């Protein structure tokens, strides 16, 4: 999917929490390398100053893992 301004209807209700390992831009492209941490469910979608955010719930119980706290920098 390629959208300049995605909205709430363009975001899946389930996804993956990821850790960004590296990013770089060149010309009109951005390359991002990331690794998946765990599955999540999007509870709320909102926009602030033209930036999209979500509030999500970690679905650790379905994958039999224990997650205490995840911080993504």
N, C-alpha and C. Protein backbone atom coordinates (compact mmCIF):
# COMPACT_ATOMS: atom_id res chain seq x y z
N UNK A 1 0.84 -1.16 0.00
CA UNK A 1 0.00 0.00 0.00
C UNK A 1 0.90 1.24 0.00
N UNK A 2 0.57 2.19 -0.84
CA UNK A 2 1.34 3.43 -0.89
C UNK A 2 0.37 4.60 -0.78
N UNK A 3 0.43 5.29 0.36
CA UNK A 3 -0.43 6.44 0.60
C UNK A 3 0.39 7.57 1.18
N UNK A 4 0.10 8.77 0.74
CA UNK A 4 0.80 9.93 1.30
C UNK A 4 0.25 10.31 2.67
N UNK A 5 -1.04 10.11 2.87
CA UNK A 5 -1.68 10.48 4.15
C UNK A 5 -2.62 9.37 4.60
N UNK A 6 -2.09 8.25 5.13
CA UNK A 6 -2.97 7.16 5.57
C UNK A 6 -3.82 7.60 6.75
N UNK A 7 -5.03 7.08 6.80
CA UNK A 7 -5.94 7.38 7.91
C UNK A 7 -6.30 6.12 8.65
N UNK A 8 -7.24 6.22 9.57
CA UNK A 8 -7.63 5.10 10.42
C UNK A 8 -8.13 3.91 9.59
N UNK A 9 -8.85 4.16 8.52
CA UNK A 9 -9.37 3.07 7.69
C UNK A 9 -8.28 2.36 6.89
N UNK A 10 -7.08 2.93 6.83
CA UNK A 10 -5.97 2.35 6.08
C UNK A 10 -5.05 1.51 6.96
N UNK A 11 -5.32 1.43 8.26
CA UNK A 11 -4.45 0.72 9.22
C UNK A 11 -5.14 -0.58 9.64
N UNK A 12 -4.40 -1.69 9.61
CA UNK A 12 -4.93 -2.96 10.07
C UNK A 12 -5.18 -2.92 11.57
N UNK A 13 -6.16 -3.71 12.04
CA UNK A 13 -6.48 -3.78 13.47
C UNK A 13 -5.46 -4.61 14.25
N UNK A 14 -4.75 -5.51 13.56
CA UNK A 14 -3.73 -6.33 14.18
C UNK A 14 -2.41 -6.08 13.46
N UNK A 15 -1.32 -6.11 14.21
CA UNK A 15 -0.02 -5.85 13.60
C UNK A 15 1.11 -6.41 14.43
N UNK A 16 2.30 -5.91 14.19
CA UNK A 16 3.50 -6.36 14.88
C UNK A 16 4.23 -5.17 15.46
N UNK A 17 4.57 -5.23 16.74
CA UNK A 17 5.42 -4.22 17.36
C UNK A 17 6.84 -4.53 16.90
N UNK A 18 7.53 -3.51 16.38
CA UNK A 18 8.86 -3.72 15.82
C UNK A 18 9.89 -2.81 16.48
N UNK A 19 11.13 -3.25 16.41
CA UNK A 19 12.27 -2.44 16.85
C UNK A 19 13.00 -2.00 15.59
N UNK A 20 13.16 -0.69 15.43
CA UNK A 20 13.89 -0.17 14.28
C UNK A 20 15.37 -0.34 14.55
N UNK A 21 16.05 -1.05 13.64
CA UNK A 21 17.48 -1.30 13.80
C UNK A 21 18.31 -0.24 13.11
N UNK A 22 17.85 0.23 11.95
CA UNK A 22 18.55 1.30 11.24
C UNK A 22 17.63 1.93 10.22
N UNK A 23 17.94 3.15 9.84
CA UNK A 23 17.20 3.83 8.77
C UNK A 23 18.14 4.79 8.07
N UNK A 24 17.87 4.99 6.80
CA UNK A 24 18.65 5.97 6.04
C UNK A 24 17.80 6.41 4.85
N UNK A 25 18.04 7.64 4.43
CA UNK A 25 17.30 8.16 3.29
C UNK A 25 18.27 8.53 2.18
N UNK A 26 17.79 8.34 0.97
CA UNK A 26 18.57 8.68 -0.21
C UNK A 26 17.59 9.01 -1.32
N UNK A 27 17.83 10.12 -1.98
CA UNK A 27 16.93 10.60 -3.02
C UNK A 27 15.53 10.76 -2.43
N UNK A 28 14.54 10.08 -3.01
CA UNK A 28 13.17 10.19 -2.51
C UNK A 28 12.73 8.94 -1.74
N UNK A 29 13.70 8.13 -1.29
CA UNK A 29 13.37 6.88 -0.63
C UNK A 29 13.96 6.83 0.78
N UNK A 30 13.27 6.10 1.64
CA UNK A 30 13.75 5.86 3.00
C UNK A 30 13.86 4.34 3.16
N UNK A 31 15.02 3.87 3.60
CA UNK A 31 15.23 2.45 3.85
C UNK A 31 15.24 2.24 5.36
N UNK A 32 14.39 1.33 5.84
CA UNK A 32 14.28 1.05 7.27
C UNK A 32 14.49 -0.44 7.47
N UNK A 33 15.38 -0.81 8.40
CA UNK A 33 15.60 -2.21 8.78
C UNK A 33 15.03 -2.37 10.19
N UNK A 34 14.16 -3.37 10.36
CA UNK A 34 13.51 -3.55 11.66
C UNK A 34 13.35 -5.03 11.95
N UNK A 35 13.09 -5.34 13.24
CA UNK A 35 12.82 -6.72 13.64
C UNK A 35 11.53 -6.74 14.47
N UNK A 36 10.73 -7.78 14.25
CA UNK A 36 9.47 -7.92 14.97
C UNK A 36 9.70 -8.36 16.40
N UNK A 37 8.91 -7.79 17.31
CA UNK A 37 9.02 -8.14 18.73
C UNK A 37 7.85 -9.03 19.16
N UNK A 38 6.62 -8.57 18.89
CA UNK A 38 5.43 -9.33 19.26
C UNK A 38 4.22 -8.80 18.51
N UNK A 39 3.15 -9.57 18.51
CA UNK A 39 1.90 -9.16 17.87
C UNK A 39 1.15 -8.20 18.77
N UNK A 40 0.30 -7.36 18.16
CA UNK A 40 -0.49 -6.42 18.94
C UNK A 40 -1.83 -6.16 18.27
N UNK A 41 -2.75 -5.60 19.03
CA UNK A 41 -4.06 -5.19 18.53
C UNK A 41 -4.16 -3.68 18.72
N UNK A 42 -4.57 -2.97 17.67
CA UNK A 42 -4.70 -1.51 17.75
C UNK A 42 -6.01 -1.18 18.44
N UNK A 43 -5.93 -0.47 19.58
CA UNK A 43 -7.11 -0.08 20.33
C UNK A 43 -7.63 1.29 19.92
N UNK A 44 -6.72 2.19 19.57
CA UNK A 44 -7.12 3.56 19.23
C UNK A 44 -6.13 4.14 18.23
N UNK A 45 -6.64 4.88 17.29
CA UNK A 45 -5.84 5.56 16.28
C UNK A 45 -6.10 7.05 16.41
N UNK A 46 -5.04 7.85 16.41
CA UNK A 46 -5.25 9.30 16.44
C UNK A 46 -4.13 10.01 15.71
N UNK A 47 -4.39 11.26 15.35
CA UNK A 47 -3.45 12.08 14.61
C UNK A 47 -3.15 13.34 15.40
N UNK A 48 -1.87 13.71 15.45
CA UNK A 48 -1.44 14.91 16.15
C UNK A 48 -0.39 15.60 15.29
N UNK A 49 -0.65 16.82 14.88
CA UNK A 49 0.28 17.59 14.04
C UNK A 49 0.72 16.79 12.81
N UNK A 50 -0.23 16.20 12.11
CA UNK A 50 0.02 15.44 10.87
C UNK A 50 0.86 14.18 11.07
N UNK A 51 0.94 13.68 12.30
CA UNK A 51 1.64 12.43 12.60
C UNK A 51 0.62 11.46 13.17
N UNK A 52 0.60 10.23 12.65
CA UNK A 52 -0.34 9.21 13.12
C UNK A 52 0.26 8.42 14.28
N UNK A 53 -0.58 8.13 15.27
CA UNK A 53 -0.20 7.34 16.44
C UNK A 53 -1.27 6.30 16.69
N UNK A 54 -0.89 5.22 17.37
CA UNK A 54 -1.86 4.22 17.81
C UNK A 54 -1.60 3.87 19.26
N UNK A 55 -2.65 3.50 19.94
CA UNK A 55 -2.55 2.88 21.26
C UNK A 55 -2.85 1.41 21.02
N UNK A 56 -1.96 0.53 21.49
CA UNK A 56 -2.10 -0.88 21.17
C UNK A 56 -2.01 -1.73 22.43
N UNK A 57 -2.48 -2.97 22.28
CA UNK A 57 -2.40 -3.97 23.36
C UNK A 57 -1.57 -5.13 22.85
N UNK A 58 -0.58 -5.53 23.63
CA UNK A 58 0.28 -6.65 23.27
C UNK A 58 -0.50 -7.95 23.42
N UNK A 59 -0.36 -8.82 22.46
CA UNK A 59 -1.08 -10.09 22.45
C UNK A 59 -0.17 -11.23 22.87
N UNK A 60 0.57 -11.08 23.94
CA UNK A 60 1.56 -12.06 24.38
C UNK A 60 0.93 -13.39 24.75
N UNK A 61 -0.27 -13.38 25.31
CA UNK A 61 -0.88 -14.61 25.78
C UNK A 61 -1.13 -15.60 24.66
N UNK A 62 -1.34 -15.13 23.43
CA UNK A 62 -1.58 -16.04 22.31
C UNK A 62 -0.30 -16.73 21.83
N UNK A 63 0.85 -16.20 22.22
CA UNK A 63 2.10 -16.75 21.76
C UNK A 63 2.91 -17.36 22.89
N UNK A 64 2.29 -17.47 24.06
CA UNK A 64 2.90 -18.12 25.21
C UNK A 64 4.25 -17.50 25.58
N UNK A 65 4.32 -16.16 25.56
CA UNK A 65 5.51 -15.44 26.00
C UNK A 65 5.12 -14.45 27.07
N UNK A 66 6.07 -14.03 27.86
CA UNK A 66 5.80 -13.06 28.91
C UNK A 66 6.47 -11.75 28.53
N UNK A 67 5.67 -10.69 28.53
CA UNK A 67 6.18 -9.36 28.21
C UNK A 67 5.84 -8.45 29.37
N UNK A 68 6.87 -7.89 30.02
CA UNK A 68 6.64 -6.99 31.12
C UNK A 68 6.57 -5.53 30.66
N UNK A 69 7.54 -5.12 29.84
CA UNK A 69 7.56 -3.75 29.36
C UNK A 69 8.43 -3.70 28.11
N UNK A 70 7.95 -2.99 27.13
CA UNK A 70 8.71 -2.81 25.90
C UNK A 70 8.83 -1.32 25.64
N UNK A 71 10.04 -0.86 25.44
CA UNK A 71 10.28 0.52 25.08
C UNK A 71 10.95 0.55 23.73
N UNK A 72 10.37 1.30 22.81
CA UNK A 72 10.95 1.41 21.47
C UNK A 72 11.52 2.79 21.32
N UNK A 73 12.79 2.86 21.01
CA UNK A 73 13.49 4.15 20.87
C UNK A 73 13.58 4.52 19.42
